[in-house]
C-alpha atoms as a PDB file:
ATOM      1  CA  UNK A   1     -38.590  22.996  13.439  1.00  0.00           C
ATOM      2  CA  UNK A   2     -39.640  19.593  13.118  1.00  0.00           C
ATOM      3  CA  UNK A   3     -39.666  19.817   8.779  1.00  0.00           C
ATOM      4  CA  UNK A   4     -35.830  21.401   9.087  1.00  0.00           C
ATOM      5  CA  UNK A   5     -34.851  17.846  11.737  1.00  0.00           C
ATOM      6  CA  UNK A   6     -36.771  16.066   8.783  1.00  0.00           C
ATOM      7  CA  UNK A   7     -35.225  17.022   5.444  1.00  0.00           C
ATOM      8  CA  UNK A   8     -31.091  17.005   7.554  1.00  0.00           C
ATOM      9  CA  UNK A   9     -32.172  13.082   7.936  1.00  0.00           C
ATOM     10  CA  UNK A  10     -32.890  12.726   4.201  1.00  0.00           C
ATOM     11  CA  UNK A  11     -29.498  14.141   3.187  1.00  0.00           C
ATOM     12  CA  UNK A  12     -27.742  12.108   5.891  1.00  0.00           C
ATOM     13  CA  UNK A  13     -29.090   9.762   3.896  1.00  0.00           C
ATOM     14  CA  UNK A  14     -28.466  10.359   0.603  1.00  0.00           C
ATOM     15  CA  UNK A  15     -25.059  11.056   2.183  1.00  0.00           C
ATOM     16  CA  UNK A  16     -24.685   7.953   3.671  1.00  0.00           C
ATOM     17  CA  UNK A  17     -25.713   5.814   0.542  1.00  0.00           C
ATOM     18  CA  UNK A  18     -22.977   8.709  -1.364  1.00  0.00           C
ATOM     19  CA  UNK A  19     -20.643   7.496   0.510  1.00  0.00           C
ATOM     20  CA  UNK A  20     -21.094   3.795   0.255  1.00  0.00           C
ATOM     21  CA  UNK A  21     -20.880   4.177  -3.147  1.00  0.00           C
ATOM     22  CA  UNK A  22     -17.149   5.827  -2.921  1.00  0.00           C
ATOM     23  CA  UNK A  23     -15.930   2.801  -0.787  1.00  0.00           C
ATOM     24  CA  UNK A  24     -16.910   0.647  -3.193  1.00  0.00           C
ATOM     25  CA  UNK A  25     -15.962   1.988  -6.432  1.00  0.00           C
ATOM     26  CA  UNK A  26     -12.315   2.324  -3.730  1.00  0.00           C
ATOM     27  CA  UNK A  27     -12.422  -1.672  -2.732  1.00  0.00           C
ATOM     28  CA  UNK A  28     -13.384  -2.267  -7.079  1.00  0.00           C
ATOM     29  CA  UNK A  29      -9.912  -0.054  -7.998  1.00  0.00           C
ATOM     30  CA  UNK A  30      -7.299  -2.142  -5.407  1.00  0.00           C
ATOM     31  CA  UNK A  31      -9.267  -5.642  -5.964  1.00  0.00           C
ATOM     32  CA  UNK A  32      -8.300  -4.364 -10.532  1.00  0.00           C
ATOM     33  CA  UNK A  33      -4.934  -2.866  -9.394  1.00  0.00           C
ATOM     34  CA  UNK A  34      -4.373  -6.112  -7.287  1.00  0.00           C
ATOM     35  CA  UNK A  35      -5.329  -8.625 -10.092  1.00  0.00           C
ATOM     36  CA  UNK A  36      -3.259  -6.488 -12.613  1.00  0.00           C
ATOM     37  CA  UNK A  37       0.044  -6.717 -10.742  1.00  0.00           C
ATOM     38  CA  UNK A  38       2.625  -9.030 -11.838  1.00  0.00           C
ATOM     39  CA  UNK A  39       5.192  -9.536  -8.821  1.00  0.00           C
ATOM     40  CA  UNK A  40       8.612 -10.950  -9.651  1.00  0.00           C
ATOM     41  CA  UNK A  41      12.004 -11.708  -8.204  1.00  0.00           C
ATOM     42  CA  UNK A  42      15.061  -9.796  -8.680  1.00  0.00           C
ATOM     43  CA  UNK A  43      16.944  -9.562 -11.712  1.00  0.00           C
ATOM     44  CA  UNK A  44      18.776 -13.510 -12.144  1.00  0.00           C
ATOM     45  CA  UNK A  45      22.133 -13.115 -13.524  1.00  0.00           C
ATOM     46  CA  UNK A  46      24.021 -15.404 -16.586  1.00  0.00           C
ATOM     47  CA  UNK A  47      27.166 -15.251 -15.646  1.00  0.00           C
ATOM     48  CA  UNK A  48      29.634 -13.287 -16.474  1.00  0.00           C
ATOM     49  CA  UNK A  49      27.501 -11.733 -20.062  1.00  0.00           C
ATOM     50  CA  UNK A  50      26.225  -8.855 -18.819  1.00  0.00           C
ATOM     51  CA  UNK A  51      22.238 -10.328 -18.629  1.00  0.00           C
ATOM     52  CA  UNK A  52      19.967 -10.405 -16.087  1.00  0.00           C
ATOM     53  CA  UNK A  53      16.146 -11.651 -15.938  1.00  0.00           C
ATOM     54  CA  UNK A  54      13.737 -11.711 -13.584  1.00  0.00           C
ATOM     55  CA  UNK A  55      10.414 -13.940 -13.053  1.00  0.00           C
ATOM     56  CA  UNK A  56       7.197 -13.749 -12.076  1.00  0.00           C
ATOM     57  CA  UNK A  57       6.259 -15.139  -8.494  1.00  0.00           C
ATOM     58  CA  UNK A  58       4.163 -15.566  -6.076  1.00  0.00           C
ATOM     59  CA  UNK A  59       1.272 -18.041  -5.323  1.00  0.00           C
ATOM     60  CA  UNK A  60       0.607 -20.782  -7.532  1.00  0.00           C
ATOM     61  CA  UNK A  61       4.348 -19.815  -9.702  1.00  0.00           C
ATOM     62  CA  UNK A  62       6.925 -22.465 -10.581  1.00  0.00           C
ATOM     63  CA  UNK A  63      10.410 -21.694 -11.446  1.00  0.00           C
ATOM     64  CA  UNK A  64      13.944 -22.574 -11.223  1.00  0.00           C
ATOM     65  CA  UNK A  65      15.871 -19.662  -9.968  1.00  0.00           C
ATOM     66  CA  UNK A  66      19.245 -20.419 -12.035  1.00  0.00           C
ATOM     67  CA  UNK A  67      20.006 -20.565 -15.731  1.00  0.00           C
ATOM     68  CA  UNK A  68      20.042 -24.320 -17.137  1.00  0.00           C
ATOM     69  CA  UNK A  69      22.211 -25.171 -20.161  1.00  0.00           C
ATOM     70  CA  UNK A  70      20.715 -26.828 -22.702  1.00  0.00           C
ATOM     71  CA  UNK A  71      20.625 -27.252 -26.668  1.00  0.00           C
ATOM     72  CA  UNK A  72      19.606 -24.899 -27.438  1.00  0.00           C
ATOM     73  CA  UNK A  73      21.527 -22.244 -25.417  1.00  0.00           C
ATOM     74  CA  UNK A  74      21.194 -21.014 -21.491  1.00  0.00           C
ATOM     75  CA  UNK A  75      17.000 -21.169 -20.012  1.00  0.00           C
ATOM     76  CA  UNK A  76      15.566 -19.665 -17.607  1.00  0.00           C
ATOM     77  CA  UNK A  77      11.873 -20.976 -17.301  1.00  0.00           C
ATOM     78  CA  UNK A  78       8.852 -20.326 -14.927  1.00  0.00           C
ATOM     79  CA  UNK A  79       5.154 -22.153 -14.725  1.00  0.00           C
ATOM     80  CA  UNK A  80       1.659 -20.861 -13.220  1.00  0.00           C
ATOM     81  CA  UNK A  81      -0.712 -23.459 -12.846  1.00  0.00           C
ATOM     82  CA  UNK A  82      -3.656 -22.413 -10.575  1.00  0.00           C
ATOM     83  CA  UNK A  83      -7.489 -22.814 -10.960  1.00  0.00           C
ATOM     84  CA  UNK A  84      -8.248 -22.251 -14.541  1.00  0.00           C
ATOM     85  CA  UNK A  85      -5.181 -19.782 -15.162  1.00  0.00           C
ATOM     86  CA  UNK A  86      -1.909 -21.037 -16.845  1.00  0.00           C
ATOM     87  CA  UNK A  87       0.655 -19.843 -17.809  1.00  0.00           C
ATOM     88  CA  UNK A  88       4.521 -20.265 -19.742  1.00  0.00           C
ATOM     89  CA  UNK A  89       7.603 -18.073 -19.185  1.00  0.00           C
ATOM     90  CA  UNK A  90      10.652 -18.771 -20.679  1.00  0.00           C
ATOM     91  CA  UNK A  91      14.233 -17.153 -21.736  1.00  0.00           C
ATOM     92  CA  UNK A  92      16.559 -18.221 -23.849  1.00  0.00           C
ATOM     93  CA  UNK A  93      19.615 -17.170 -23.957  1.00  0.00           C
ATOM     94  CA  UNK A  94      22.115 -18.244 -27.410  1.00  0.00           C
ATOM     95  CA  UNK A  95      25.365 -17.329 -28.668  1.00  0.00           C
ATOM     96  CA  UNK A  96      24.633 -16.111 -32.152  1.00  0.00           C
ATOM     97  CA  UNK A  97      26.318 -13.800 -34.426  1.00  0.00           C
ATOM     98  CA  UNK A  98      23.411 -13.242 -36.246  1.00  0.00           C
ATOM     99  CA  UNK A  99      21.450  -9.648 -35.829  1.00  0.00           C
ATOM    100  CA  UNK A 100      17.468  -9.473 -35.575  1.00  0.00           C
ATOM    101  CA  UNK A 101      16.497  -6.078 -37.533  1.00  0.00           C
ATOM    102  CA  UNK A 102      12.772  -5.653 -38.069  1.00  0.00           C
ATOM    103  CA  UNK A 103       9.750  -6.587 -36.601  1.00  0.00           C
ATOM    104  CA  UNK A 104       9.001  -8.749 -39.812  1.00  0.00           C
ATOM    105  CA  UNK A 105      11.734 -11.182 -39.581  1.00  0.00           C
ATOM    106  CA  UNK A 106      10.122 -12.622 -36.127  1.00  0.00           C
ATOM    107  CA  UNK A 107       6.552 -12.355 -37.724  1.00  0.00           C
ATOM    108  CA  UNK A 108       7.456 -14.307 -40.701  1.00  0.00           C
ATOM    109  CA  UNK A 109       9.168 -16.538 -38.783  1.00  0.00           C
ATOM    110  CA  UNK A 110       5.720 -16.989 -36.180  1.00  0.00           C
ATOM    111  CA  UNK A 111       3.474 -17.332 -39.387  1.00  0.00           C
ATOM    112  CA  UNK A 112       5.681 -20.145 -40.955  1.00  0.00           C
ATOM    113  CA  UNK A 113       4.861 -22.280 -37.525  1.00  0.00           C
ATOM    114  CA  UNK A 114       1.080 -21.571 -37.828  1.00  0.00           C
ATOM    115  CA  UNK A 115       0.785 -18.155 -35.861  1.00  0.00           C
ATOM    116  CA  UNK A 116      -1.452 -15.500 -36.506  1.00  0.00           C
ATOM    117  CA  UNK A 117       0.268 -11.903 -35.741  1.00  0.00           C
ATOM    118  CA  UNK A 118      -2.227  -9.982 -33.945  1.00  0.00           C
ATOM    119  CA  UNK A 119       0.073  -7.222 -33.006  1.00  0.00           C
ATOM    120  CA  UNK A 120       4.017  -6.300 -32.811  1.00  0.00           C
ATOM    121  CA  UNK A 121       6.090  -3.774 -31.257  1.00  0.00           C
ATOM    122  CA  UNK A 122       9.494  -2.616 -29.569  1.00  0.00           C
ATOM    123  CA  UNK A 123      10.751  -1.490 -26.655  1.00  0.00           C
ATOM    124  CA  UNK A 124      13.773   0.052 -25.242  1.00  0.00           C
ATOM    125  CA  UNK A 125      16.309  -1.633 -23.116  1.00  0.00           C
ATOM    126  CA  UNK A 126      19.210   0.566 -22.199  1.00  0.00           C
ATOM    127  CA  UNK A 127      21.388   0.485 -24.833  1.00  0.00           C
ATOM    128  CA  UNK A 128      19.217  -2.364 -27.072  1.00  0.00           C
ATOM    129  CA  UNK A 129      15.633  -2.818 -27.370  1.00  0.00           C
ATOM    130  CA  UNK A 130      12.987  -5.531 -27.619  1.00  0.00           C
ATOM    131  CA  UNK A 131      11.510  -6.230 -30.951  1.00  0.00           C
ATOM    132  CA  UNK A 132       7.984  -8.138 -29.698  1.00  0.00           C
ATOM    133  CA  UNK A 133       5.246 -10.167 -31.607  1.00  0.00           C
ATOM    134  CA  UNK A 134       1.606 -10.722 -30.118  1.00  0.00           C
ATOM    135  CA  UNK A 135       0.337 -13.994 -31.580  1.00  0.00           C
ATOM    136  CA  UNK A 136      -2.222 -16.905 -32.111  1.00  0.00           C
ATOM    137  CA  UNK A 137      -2.735 -20.232 -32.511  1.00  0.00           C
ATOM    138  CA  UNK A 138      -4.493 -21.464 -34.824  1.00  0.00           C
ATOM    139  CA  UNK A 139      -7.753 -23.301 -33.935  1.00  0.00           C
ATOM    140  CA  UNK A 140      -6.367 -22.403 -30.698  1.00  0.00           C
ATOM    141  CA  UNK A 141      -7.182 -19.788 -27.726  1.00  0.00           C
ATOM    142  CA  UNK A 142      -3.859 -20.266 -26.819  1.00  0.00           C
ATOM    143  CA  UNK A 143      -2.059 -16.589 -27.341  1.00  0.00           C
ATOM    144  CA  UNK A 144       2.214 -15.695 -27.335  1.00  0.00           C
ATOM    145  CA  UNK A 145       3.760 -13.245 -26.578  1.00  0.00           C
ATOM    146  CA  UNK A 146       7.471 -13.368 -28.152  1.00  0.00           C
ATOM    147  CA  UNK A 147       9.954 -10.783 -27.848  1.00  0.00           C
ATOM    148  CA  UNK A 148      14.036 -11.127 -29.192  1.00  0.00           C
ATOM    149  CA  UNK A 149      16.774  -8.896 -28.312  1.00  0.00           C
ATOM    150  CA  UNK A 150      20.124  -8.838 -30.100  1.00  0.00           C
ATOM    151  CA  UNK A 151      22.904  -8.581 -27.445  1.00  0.00           C
ATOM    152  CA  UNK A 152      26.918  -8.354 -28.643  1.00  0.00           C
ATOM    153  CA  UNK A 153      26.722 -11.814 -30.211  1.00  0.00           C
ATOM    154  CA  UNK A 154      24.283 -13.405 -28.543  1.00  0.00           C
ATOM    155  CA  UNK A 155      20.086 -13.670 -28.795  1.00  0.00           C
ATOM    156  CA  UNK A 156      18.095 -12.903 -26.405  1.00  0.00           C
ATOM    157  CA  UNK A 157      14.156 -14.694 -26.497  1.00  0.00           C
ATOM    158  CA  UNK A 158      10.933 -14.177 -23.703  1.00  0.00           C
ATOM    159  CA  UNK A 159       8.457 -16.296 -24.614  1.00  0.00           C
ATOM    160  CA  UNK A 160       5.116 -16.076 -23.044  1.00  0.00           C
ATOM    161  CA  UNK A 161       2.294 -18.380 -22.882  1.00  0.00           C
ATOM    162  CA  UNK A 162      -1.261 -18.464 -22.094  1.00  0.00           C
ATOM    163  CA  UNK A 163      -4.660 -18.800 -22.553  1.00  0.00           C
ATOM    164  CA  UNK A 164      -5.404 -15.578 -21.112  1.00  0.00           C
ATOM    165  CA  UNK A 165      -4.299 -12.476 -23.530  1.00  0.00           C
ATOM    166  CA  UNK A 166      -4.769  -9.685 -20.747  1.00  0.00           C
ATOM    167  CA  UNK A 167      -2.445 -12.069 -18.436  1.00  0.00           C
ATOM    168  CA  UNK A 168      -0.178 -13.203 -20.924  1.00  0.00           C
ATOM    169  CA  UNK A 169       0.746  -9.523 -22.562  1.00  0.00           C
ATOM    170  CA  UNK A 170       0.510  -8.511 -17.960  1.00  0.00           C
ATOM    171  CA  UNK A 171       3.750 -11.099 -17.409  1.00  0.00           C
ATOM    172  CA  UNK A 172       5.206 -10.537 -21.206  1.00  0.00           C
ATOM    173  CA  UNK A 173       5.796  -6.397 -20.665  1.00  0.00           C
ATOM    174  CA  UNK A 174       6.341  -6.934 -16.875  1.00  0.00           C
ATOM    175  CA  UNK A 175       9.042  -9.025 -17.537  1.00  0.00           C
ATOM    176  CA  UNK A 176      10.442  -7.213 -20.438  1.00  0.00           C
ATOM    177  CA  UNK A 177      10.635  -4.307 -18.925  1.00  0.00           C
ATOM    178  CA  UNK A 178      12.500  -5.307 -15.869  1.00  0.00           C
ATOM    179  CA  UNK A 179      15.008  -7.282 -18.291  1.00  0.00           C
ATOM    180  CA  UNK A 180      18.679  -5.906 -17.591  1.00  0.00           C
ATOM    181  CA  UNK A 181      21.954  -5.653 -19.531  1.00  0.00           C
ATOM    182  CA  UNK A 182      24.916  -4.158 -19.773  1.00  0.00           C
ATOM    183  CA  UNK A 183      27.696  -5.514 -21.807  1.00  0.00           C
ATOM    184  CA  UNK A 184      31.017  -7.044 -20.128  1.00  0.00           C
ATOM    185  CA  UNK A 185      33.462  -5.307 -21.142  1.00  0.00           C
ATOM    186  CA  UNK A 186      36.187  -6.188 -23.770  1.00  0.00           C
ATOM    187  CA  UNK A 187      38.617  -8.077 -22.208  1.00  0.00           C
ATOM    188  CA  UNK A 188      41.498  -6.463 -24.818  1.00  0.00           C
ATOM    189  CA  UNK A 189      41.380  -2.642 -22.669  1.00  0.00           C
ATOM    190  CA  UNK A 190      42.035  -4.372 -19.907  1.00  0.00           C
ATOM    191  CA  UNK A 191      45.509  -4.291 -18.626  1.00  0.00           C
END
């Protein structure tokens, strides 16, 4: 009888350690998911253009909740400054008749300014698509993600800069995937 009770106690100890290990894994997964999540504001509309862009929000983020007009066009920006972490997000909308047809044009423009391109891609935004490039400054640790969307008679540029490559990528993808564009109705067609 004593032998059976001893075996049960040894089995219970092992079961307890297994449960403790599983709990540790669940907590670690929760921390990783929480770290990777980029909280965004509601998309901020730009007048009658049909464009709306969200910005990252939360502790450490500062930025204007409205578009500001500047010499480059309408600008929406946010900055993250926390201990050991920094990131800059800038979105520029400018009227233009030019159309960006390939990632190569984007790559050439970045290389012309001294950046080394590491990756590139594209993703759909409704009826249009964003061309994007990941680049690193020569002699710098800074990473830049630049995305460009050709809209109706306008260009939208999304730029994210950070010393942390993973943070820059997560911010860029989170903001880029939530950009909303619905072309405004043609006033010539309304009666």
